[in-house]
Amino acid sequence: MNDTPNDRNAPDDIDAGEPIQELRDLEEEPRGDLLGRVVRGIERRVFAADAIDFSWFGLGEFLRELWNTLAGSLSGDGSPPNNKEESDR
């Protein structure tokens, strides 16, 4: 069985006709602050996504630095370098 729609039944070819008059009369104008509410909603979601990304990035960097510190201290590379003048004495 073919799941693809026939070309003759494509949605672009269907003529919906004129809108129903009763439904056209029910149309309401959006309130004046609709655009502002939509923009604020988008900004909230973007801020939340950025905060989560930053939290994961910060946690990853913290764990990486912790690992480097532990690995350095266990291998002996964690000690501060000596001055050349002191080692010559």
PDB file of N, CA and C in Angstrom:
ATOM      1  N   MET A   1       0.849  -1.180   0.000  1.00  0.00           N
ATOM      2  CA  MET A   1       0.000   0.000   0.000  1.00  0.00           C
ATOM      3  C   MET A   1       0.891   1.237   0.000  1.00  0.00           C
ATOM      4  N   ASN A   2       0.552   2.182  -0.805  1.00  0.00           N
ATOM      5  CA  ASN A   2       1.336   3.402  -0.950  1.00  0.00           C
ATOM      6  C   ASN A   2       0.822   4.444   0.044  1.00  0.00           C
ATOM      7  N   ASP A   3       1.736   4.972   0.899  1.00  0.00           N
ATOM      8  CA  ASP A   3       1.344   5.956   1.913  1.00  0.00           C
ATOM      9  C   ASP A   3       1.405   7.391   1.408  1.00  0.00           C
ATOM     10  N   THR A   4       1.977   7.623   0.252  1.00  0.00           N
ATOM     11  CA  THR A   4       2.083   8.985  -0.256  1.00  0.00           C
ATOM     12  C   THR A   4       0.750   9.418  -0.834  1.00  0.00           C
ATOM     13  N   PRO A   5       0.362  10.663  -0.606  1.00  0.00           N
ATOM     14  CA  PRO A   5      -0.919  11.133  -1.145  1.00  0.00           C
ATOM     15  C   PRO A   5      -0.845  11.296  -2.653  1.00  0.00           C
ATOM     16  N   ASN A   6      -1.978  11.163  -3.281  1.00  0.00           N
ATOM     17  CA  ASN A   6      -2.053  11.372  -4.725  1.00  0.00           C
ATOM     18  C   ASN A   6      -1.855  12.843  -5.034  1.00  0.00           C
ATOM     19  N   ASP A   7      -1.264  13.122  -6.177  1.00  0.00           N
ATOM     20  CA  ASP A   7      -1.026  14.514  -6.565  1.00  0.00           C
ATOM     21  C   ASP A   7      -2.329  15.269  -6.763  1.00  0.00           C
ATOM     22  N   ARG A   8      -3.350  14.581  -7.194  1.00  0.00           N
ATOM     23  CA  ARG A   8      -4.619  15.274  -7.450  1.00  0.00           C
ATOM     24  C   ARG A   8      -5.322  15.661  -6.159  1.00  0.00           C
ATOM     25  N   ASN A   9      -4.952  15.060  -5.023  1.00  0.00           N
ATOM     26  CA  ASN A   9      -5.568  15.384  -3.736  1.00  0.00           C
ATOM     27  C   ASN A   9      -4.670  16.260  -2.873  1.00  0.00           C
ATOM     28  N   ALA A  10      -3.687  16.897  -3.472  1.00  0.00           N
ATOM     29  CA  ALA A  10      -2.767  17.752  -2.714  1.00  0.00           C
ATOM     30  C   ALA A  10      -3.539  18.916  -2.108  1.00  0.00           C
ATOM     31  N   PRO A  11      -3.178  19.359  -0.884  1.00  0.00           N
ATOM     32  CA  PRO A  11      -3.917  20.446  -0.226  1.00  0.00           C
ATOM     33  C   PRO A  11      -3.915  21.748  -1.013  1.00  0.00           C
ATOM     34  N   ASP A  12      -2.903  21.993  -1.842  1.00  0.00           N
ATOM     35  CA  ASP A  12      -2.881  23.239  -2.607  1.00  0.00           C
ATOM     36  C   ASP A  12      -3.961  23.272  -3.673  1.00  0.00           C
ATOM     37  N   ASP A  13      -4.399  22.113  -4.106  1.00  0.00           N
ATOM     38  CA  ASP A  13      -5.386  22.056  -5.176  1.00  0.00           C
ATOM     39  C   ASP A  13      -6.817  22.138  -4.681  1.00  0.00           C
ATOM     40  N   ILE A  14      -7.036  21.986  -3.384  1.00  0.00           N
ATOM     41  CA  ILE A  14      -8.390  21.983  -2.848  1.00  0.00           C
ATOM     42  C   ILE A  14      -8.871  23.411  -2.700  1.00  0.00           C
ATOM     43  N   ASP A  15     -10.034  23.696  -3.256  1.00  0.00           N
ATOM     44  CA  ASP A  15     -10.636  25.019  -3.144  1.00  0.00           C
ATOM     45  C   ASP A  15     -11.568  25.005  -1.937  1.00  0.00           C
ATOM     46  N   ALA A  16     -11.235  25.779  -0.919  1.00  0.00           N
ATOM     47  CA  ALA A  16     -12.040  25.803   0.297  1.00  0.00           C
ATOM     48  C   ALA A  16     -13.283  26.647   0.144  1.00  0.00           C
ATOM     49  N   GLY A  17     -13.334  27.464  -0.877  1.00  0.00           N
ATOM     50  CA  GLY A  17     -14.510  28.301  -1.081  1.00  0.00           C
ATOM     51  C   GLY A  17     -14.489  29.526  -0.181  1.00  0.00           C
ATOM     52  N   GLU A  18     -15.596  30.199  -0.145  1.00  0.00           N
ATOM     53  CA  GLU A  18     -15.718  31.401   0.683  1.00  0.00           C
ATOM     54  C   GLU A  18     -15.886  31.008   2.144  1.00  0.00           C
ATOM     55  N   PRO A  19     -15.368  31.832   3.075  1.00  0.00           N
ATOM     56  CA  PRO A  19     -15.544  31.536   4.490  1.00  0.00           C
ATOM     57  C   PRO A  19     -17.022  31.585   4.880  1.00  0.00           C
ATOM     58  N   ILE A  20     -17.375  30.840   5.884  1.00  0.00           N
ATOM     59  CA  ILE A  20     -18.755  30.833   6.360  1.00  0.00           C
ATOM     60  C   ILE A  20     -19.009  32.165   7.046  1.00  0.00           C
ATOM     61  N   GLN A  21     -20.124  32.807   6.695  1.00  0.00           N
ATOM     62  CA  GLN A  21     -20.423  34.160   7.164  1.00  0.00           C
ATOM     63  C   GLN A  21     -20.498  34.225   8.692  1.00  0.00           C
ATOM     64  N   GLU A  22     -21.093  33.241   9.334  1.00  0.00           N
ATOM     65  CA  GLU A  22     -21.225  33.265  10.800  1.00  0.00           C
ATOM     66  C   GLU A  22     -19.852  33.219  11.470  1.00  0.00           C
ATOM     67  N   LEU A  23     -18.958  32.426  10.910  1.00  0.00           N
ATOM     68  CA  LEU A  23     -17.614  32.347  11.481  1.00  0.00           C
ATOM     69  C   LEU A  23     -16.825  33.623  11.223  1.00  0.00           C
ATOM     70  N   ARG A  24     -17.042  34.242  10.071  1.00  0.00           N
ATOM     71  CA  ARG A  24     -16.349  35.494   9.770  1.00  0.00           C
ATOM     72  C   ARG A  24     -16.781  36.581  10.748  1.00  0.00           C
ATOM     73  N   ASP A  25     -18.059  36.584  11.140  1.00  0.00           N
ATOM     74  CA  ASP A  25     -18.564  37.599  12.075  1.00  0.00           C
ATOM     75  C   ASP A  25     -18.026  37.402  13.488  1.00  0.00           C
ATOM     76  N   LEU A  26     -17.585  36.191  13.845  1.00  0.00           N
ATOM     77  CA  LEU A  26     -17.059  35.923  15.169  1.00  0.00           C
ATOM     78  C   LEU A  26     -15.613  36.369  15.338  1.00  0.00           C
ATOM     79  N   GLU A  27     -14.962  36.762  14.248  1.00  0.00           N
ATOM     80  CA  GLU A  27     -13.554  37.146  14.315  1.00  0.00           C
ATOM     81  C   GLU A  27     -13.368  38.325  15.256  1.00  0.00           C
ATOM     82  N   GLU A  28     -12.364  38.205  16.150  1.00  0.00           N
ATOM     83  CA  GLU A  28     -12.068  39.272  17.102  1.00  0.00           C
ATOM     84  C   GLU A  28     -10.707  39.862  16.794  1.00  0.00           C
ATOM     85  N   GLU A  29     -10.586  41.113  17.065  1.00  0.00           N
ATOM     86  CA  GLU A  29      -9.294  41.772  16.936  1.00  0.00           C
ATOM     87  C   GLU A  29      -8.447  41.394  18.148  1.00  0.00           C
ATOM     88  N   PRO A  30      -7.168  41.109  17.945  1.00  0.00           N
ATOM     89  CA  PRO A  30      -6.312  40.796  19.106  1.00  0.00           C
ATOM     90  C   PRO A  30      -6.123  42.036  19.966  1.00  0.00           C
ATOM     91  N   ARG A  31      -5.901  41.794  21.258  1.00  0.00           N
ATOM     92  CA  ARG A  31      -5.662  42.926  22.150  1.00  0.00           C
ATOM     93  C   ARG A  31      -4.364  43.621  21.760  1.00  0.00           C
ATOM     94  N   GLY A  32      -4.219  44.847  22.173  1.00  0.00           N
ATOM     95  CA  GLY A  32      -3.082  45.659  21.771  1.00  0.00           C
ATOM     96  C   GLY A  32      -1.740  45.144  22.234  1.00  0.00           C
ATOM     97  N   ASP A  33      -1.704  44.424  23.348  1.00  0.00           N
ATOM     98  CA  ASP A  33      -0.430  43.966  23.881  1.00  0.00           C
ATOM     99  C   ASP A  33      -0.090  42.539  23.437  1.00  0.00           C
ATOM    100  N   LEU A  34      -0.767  42.015  22.431  1.00  0.00           N
ATOM    101  CA  LEU A  34      -0.518  40.650  21.977  1.00  0.00           C
ATOM    102  C   LEU A  34       0.932  40.471  21.520  1.00  0.00           C
ATOM    103  N   LEU A  35       1.423  41.380  20.706  1.00  0.00           N
ATOM    104  CA  LEU A  35       2.794  41.269  20.207  1.00  0.00           C
ATOM    105  C   LEU A  35       3.798  41.325  21.359  1.00  0.00           C
ATOM    106  N   GLY A  36       3.582  42.188  22.316  1.00  0.00           N
ATOM    107  CA  GLY A  36       4.471  42.282  23.468  1.00  0.00           C
ATOM    108  C   GLY A  36       4.471  41.007  24.290  1.00  0.00           C
ATOM    109  N   ARG A  37       3.283  40.401  24.475  1.00  0.00           N
ATOM    110  CA  ARG A  37       3.208  39.148  25.235  1.00  0.00           C
ATOM    111  C   ARG A  37       3.922  38.023  24.502  1.00  0.00           C
ATOM    112  N   VAL A  38       3.783  37.981  23.185  1.00  0.00           N
ATOM    113  CA  VAL A  38       4.463  36.946  22.402  1.00  0.00           C
ATOM    114  C   VAL A  38       5.975  37.119  22.497  1.00  0.00           C
ATOM    115  N   VAL A  39       6.447  38.348  22.360  1.00  0.00           N
ATOM    116  CA  VAL A  39       7.885  38.623  22.429  1.00  0.00           C
ATOM    117  C   VAL A  39       8.422  38.272  23.817  1.00  0.00           C
ATOM    118  N   ARG A  40       7.709  38.640  24.873  1.00  0.00           N
ATOM    119  CA  ARG A  40       8.163  38.323  26.235  1.00  0.00           C
ATOM    120  C   ARG A  40       8.197  36.813  26.469  1.00  0.00           C
ATOM    121  N   GLY A  41       7.213  36.103  25.919  1.00  0.00           N
ATOM    122  CA  GLY A  41       7.211  34.647  26.050  1.00  0.00           C
ATOM    123  C   GLY A  41       8.409  34.011  25.363  1.00  0.00           C
ATOM    124  N   ILE A  42       8.728  34.510  24.181  1.00  0.00           N
ATOM    125  CA  ILE A  42       9.899  33.996  23.463  1.00  0.00           C
ATOM    126  C   ILE A  42      11.179  34.323  24.225  1.00  0.00           C
ATOM    127  N   GLU A  43      11.279  35.538  24.727  1.00  0.00           N
ATOM    128  CA  GLU A  43      12.473  35.936  25.470  1.00  0.00           C
ATOM    129  C   GLU A  43      12.647  35.111  26.740  1.00  0.00           C
ATOM    130  N   ARG A  44      11.542  34.775  27.427  1.00  0.00           N
ATOM    131  CA  ARG A  44      11.643  33.922  28.614  1.00  0.00           C
ATOM    132  C   ARG A  44      12.189  32.558  28.262  1.00  0.00           C
ATOM    133  N   ARG A  45      11.720  31.989  27.177  1.00  0.00           N
ATOM    134  CA  ARG A  45      12.193  30.661  26.775  1.00  0.00           C
ATOM    135  C   ARG A  45      13.654  30.701  26.346  1.00  0.00           C
ATOM    136  N   VAL A  46      14.048  31.745  25.636  1.00  0.00           N
ATOM    137  CA  VAL A  46      15.450  31.877  25.221  1.00  0.00           C
ATOM    138  C   VAL A  46      16.337  32.052  26.446  1.00  0.00           C
ATOM    139  N   PHE A  47      15.898  32.858  27.408  1.00  0.00           N
ATOM    140  CA  PHE A  47      16.680  33.060  28.629  1.00  0.00           C
ATOM    141  C   PHE A  47      16.832  31.753  29.398  1.00  0.00           C
ATOM    142  N   ALA A  48      15.751  30.996  29.514  1.00  0.00           N
ATOM    143  CA  ALA A  48      15.825  29.715  30.230  1.00  0.00           C
ATOM    144  C   ALA A  48      16.781  28.754  29.524  1.00  0.00           C
ATOM    145  N   ALA A  49      16.721  28.704  28.196  1.00  0.00           N
ATOM    146  CA  ALA A  49      17.631  27.821  27.449  1.00  0.00           C
ATOM    147  C   ALA A  49      19.077  28.265  27.623  1.00  0.00           C
ATOM    148  N   ASP A  50      19.330  29.565  27.579  1.00  0.00           N
ATOM    149  CA  ASP A  50      20.693  30.069  27.777  1.00  0.00           C
ATOM    150  C   ASP A  50      21.197  29.778  29.191  1.00  0.00           C
ATOM    151  N   ALA A  51      20.324  29.920  30.177  1.00  0.00           N
ATOM    152  CA  ALA A  51      20.723  29.651  31.556  1.00  0.00           C
ATOM    153  C   ALA A  51      21.080  28.178  31.739  1.00  0.00           C
ATOM    154  N   ILE A  52      20.308  27.302  31.136  1.00  0.00           N
ATOM    155  CA  ILE A  52      20.605  25.862  31.232  1.00  0.00           C
ATOM    156  C   ILE A  52      21.912  25.550  30.523  1.00  0.00           C
ATOM    157  N   ASP A  53      22.110  26.114  29.333  1.00  0.00           N
ATOM    158  CA  ASP A  53      23.371  25.898  28.610  1.00  0.00           C
ATOM    159  C   ASP A  53      24.557  26.382  29.430  1.00  0.00           C
ATOM    160  N   PHE A  54      24.437  27.559  30.029  1.00  0.00           N
ATOM    161  CA  PHE A  54      25.521  28.106  30.823  1.00  0.00           C
ATOM    162  C   PHE A  54      25.787  27.233  32.049  1.00  0.00           C
ATOM    163  N   SER A  55      24.731  26.739  32.679  1.00  0.00           N
ATOM    164  CA  SER A  55      24.901  25.881  33.853  1.00  0.00           C
ATOM    165  C   SER A  55      25.653  24.609  33.487  1.00  0.00           C
ATOM    166  N   TRP A  56      25.283  23.972  32.384  1.00  0.00           N
ATOM    167  CA  TRP A  56      25.973  22.753  31.973  1.00  0.00           C
ATOM    168  C   TRP A  56      27.416  23.041  31.577  1.00  0.00           C
ATOM    169  N   PHE A  57      27.633  24.170  30.889  1.00  0.00           N
ATOM    170  CA  PHE A  57      28.990  24.544  30.502  1.00  0.00           C
ATOM    171  C   PHE A  57      29.831  24.820  31.744  1.00  0.00           C
ATOM    172  N   GLY A  58      29.260  25.551  32.697  1.00  0.00           N
ATOM    173  CA  GLY A  58      29.986  25.857  33.927  1.00  0.00           C
ATOM    174  C   GLY A  58      30.301  24.609  34.725  1.00  0.00           C
ATOM    175  N   LEU A  59      29.358  23.689  34.811  1.00  0.00           N
ATOM    176  CA  LEU A  59      29.593  22.434  35.520  1.00  0.00           C
ATOM    177  C   LEU A  59      30.681  21.621  34.827  1.00  0.00           C
ATOM    178  N   GLY A  60      30.648  21.579  33.511  1.00  0.00           N
ATOM    179  CA  GLY A  60      31.674  20.853  32.759  1.00  0.00           C
ATOM    180  C   GLY A  60      33.054  21.440  32.966  1.00  0.00           C
ATOM    181  N   GLU A  61      33.161  22.754  32.949  1.00  0.00           N
ATOM    182  CA  GLU A  61      34.455  23.405  33.174  1.00  0.00           C
ATOM    183  C   GLU A  61      34.947  23.168  34.596  1.00  0.00           C
ATOM    184  N   PHE A  62      34.046  23.205  35.566  1.00  0.00           N
ATOM    185  CA  PHE A  62      34.429  22.938  36.949  1.00  0.00           C
ATOM    186  C   PHE A  62      34.972  21.518  37.093  1.00  0.00           C
ATOM    187  N   LEU A  63      34.271  20.551  36.518  1.00  0.00           N
ATOM    188  CA  LEU A  63      34.720  19.162  36.607  1.00  0.00           C
ATOM    189  C   LEU A  63      36.049  18.951  35.884  1.00  0.00           C
ATOM    190  N   ARG A  64      36.240  19.635  34.765  1.00  0.00           N
ATOM    191  CA  ARG A  64      37.499  19.515  34.041  1.00  0.00           C
ATOM    192  C   ARG A  64      38.659  20.085  34.864  1.00  0.00           C
ATOM    193  N   GLU A  65      38.460  21.238  35.474  1.00  0.00           N
ATOM    194  CA  GLU A  65      39.507  21.835  36.316  1.00  0.00           C
ATOM    195  C   GLU A  65      39.772  20.972  37.542  1.00  0.00           C
ATOM    196  N   LEU A  66      38.726  20.410  38.129  1.00  0.00           N
ATOM    197  CA  LEU A  66      38.906  19.525  39.269  1.00  0.00           C
ATOM    198  C   LEU A  66      39.724  18.297  38.875  1.00  0.00           C
ATOM    199  N   TRP A  67      39.394  17.718  37.727  1.00  0.00           N
ATOM    200  CA  TRP A  67      40.135  16.556  37.237  1.00  0.00           C
ATOM    201  C   TRP A  67      41.604  16.914  36.986  1.00  0.00           C
ATOM    202  N   ASN A  68      41.853  18.047  36.344  1.00  0.00           N
ATOM    203  CA  ASN A  68      43.234  18.471  36.076  1.00  0.00           C
ATOM    204  C   ASN A  68      44.002  18.701  37.376  1.00  0.00           C
ATOM    205  N   THR A  69      43.347  19.271  38.371  1.00  0.00           N
ATOM    206  CA  THR A  69      44.006  19.507  39.652  1.00  0.00           C
ATOM    207  C   THR A  69      44.337  18.190  40.337  1.00  0.00           C
ATOM    208  N   LEU A  70      43.370  17.283  40.371  1.00  0.00           N
ATOM    209  CA  LEU A  70      43.620  15.987  41.005  1.00  0.00           C
ATOM    210  C   LEU A  70      44.684  15.191  40.261  1.00  0.00           C
ATOM    211  N   ALA A  71      44.605  15.175  38.951  1.00  0.00           N
ATOM    212  CA  ALA A  71      45.589  14.428  38.165  1.00  0.00           C
ATOM    213  C   ALA A  71      46.978  15.036  38.326  1.00  0.00           C
ATOM    214  N   GLY A  72      47.054  16.349  38.380  1.00  0.00           N
ATOM    215  CA  GLY A  72      48.346  17.014  38.548  1.00  0.00           C
ATOM    216  C   GLY A  72      48.946  16.762  39.914  1.00  0.00           C
ATOM    217  N   SER A  73      48.120  16.748  40.950  1.00  0.00           N
ATOM    218  CA  SER A  73      48.652  16.533  42.289  1.00  0.00           C
ATOM    219  C   SER A  73      49.064  15.077  42.496  1.00  0.00           C
ATOM    220  N   LEU A  74      48.384  14.142  41.846  1.00  0.00           N
ATOM    221  CA  LEU A  74      48.753  12.737  41.990  1.00  0.00           C
ATOM    222  C   LEU A  74      50.009  12.383  41.201  1.00  0.00           C
ATOM    223  N   SER A  75      50.225  13.077  40.104  1.00  0.00           N
ATOM    224  CA  SER A  75      51.400  12.766  39.290  1.00  0.00           C
ATOM    225  C   SER A  75      52.644  13.527  39.746  1.00  0.00           C
ATOM    226  N   GLY A  76      52.505  14.457  40.663  1.00  0.00           N
ATOM    227  CA  GLY A  76      53.651  15.210  41.148  1.00  0.00           C
ATOM    228  C   GLY A  76      53.906  16.472  40.363  1.00  0.00           C
ATOM    229  N   ASP A  77      53.119  16.740  39.343  1.00  0.00           N
ATOM    230  CA  ASP A  77      53.306  17.961  38.557  1.00  0.00           C
ATOM    231  C   ASP A  77      52.636  19.157  39.212  1.00  0.00           C
ATOM    232  N   GLY A  78      51.943  18.942  40.288  1.00  0.00           N
ATOM    233  CA  GLY A  78      51.209  20.012  40.929  1.00  0.00           C
ATOM    234  C   GLY A  78      52.059  20.904  41.804  1.00  0.00           C
ATOM    235  N   SER A  79      53.312  20.558  42.074  1.00  0.00           N
ATOM    236  CA  SER A  79      54.167  21.379  42.926  1.00  0.00           C
ATOM    237  C   SER A  79      54.634  22.605  42.151  1.00  0.00           C
ATOM    238  N   PRO A  80      54.801  23.713  42.849  1.00  0.00           N
ATOM    239  CA  PRO A  80      55.240  24.929  42.151  1.00  0.00           C
ATOM    240  C   PRO A  80      56.675  24.777  41.661  1.00  0.00           C
ATOM    241  N   PRO A  81      57.006  25.373  40.546  1.00  0.00           N
ATOM    242  CA  PRO A  81      58.372  25.245  40.022  1.00  0.00           C
ATOM    243  C   PRO A  81      59.370  25.976  40.923  1.00  0.00           C
ATOM    244  N   ASN A  82      60.555  25.426  41.071  1.00  0.00           N
ATOM    245  CA  ASN A  82      61.621  26.046  41.865  1.00  0.00           C
ATOM    246  C   ASN A  82      62.365  27.053  41.001  1.00  0.00           C
ATOM    247  N   ASN A  83      62.887  28.101  41.680  1.00  0.00           N
ATOM    248  CA  ASN A  83      63.719  29.048  40.955  1.00  0.00           C
ATOM    249  C   ASN A  83      65.029  28.390  40.582  1.00  0.00           C
ATOM    250  N   LYS A  84      65.586  28.745  39.458  1.00  0.00           N
ATOM    251  CA  LYS A  84      66.849  28.157  39.002  1.00  0.00           C
ATOM    252  C   LYS A  84      67.987  28.542  39.958  1.00  0.00           C
ATOM    253  N   GLU A  85      67.931  29.755  40.522  1.00  0.00           N
ATOM    254  CA  GLU A  85      68.990  30.210  41.410  1.00  0.00           C
ATOM    255  C   GLU A  85      69.047  29.372  42.671  1.00  0.00           C
ATOM    256  N   GLU A  86      67.865  28.981  43.213  1.00  0.00           N
ATOM    257  CA  GLU A  86      67.837  28.177  44.431  1.00  0.00           C
ATOM    258  C   GLU A  86      68.337  26.772  44.176  1.00  0.00           C
ATOM    259  N   SER A  87      68.083  26.212  42.988  1.00  0.00           N
ATOM    260  CA  SER A  87      68.492  24.846  42.725  1.00  0.00           C
ATOM    261  C   SER A  87      69.986  24.734  42.448  1.00  0.00           C
ATOM    262  N   ASP A  88      70.633  25.850  42.079  1.00  0.00           N
ATOM    263  CA  ASP A  88      72.051  25.834  41.815  1.00  0.00           C
ATOM    264  C   ASP A  88      72.885  25.804  43.096  1.00  0.00           C
ATOM    265  N   ARG A  89      72.340  26.200  44.214  1.00  0.00           N
ATOM    266  CA  ARG A  89      73.091  26.308  45.461  1.00  0.00           C
ATOM    267  C   ARG A  89      73.392  24.999  46.073  1.00  0.00           C
TER     268      ARG A  89
END
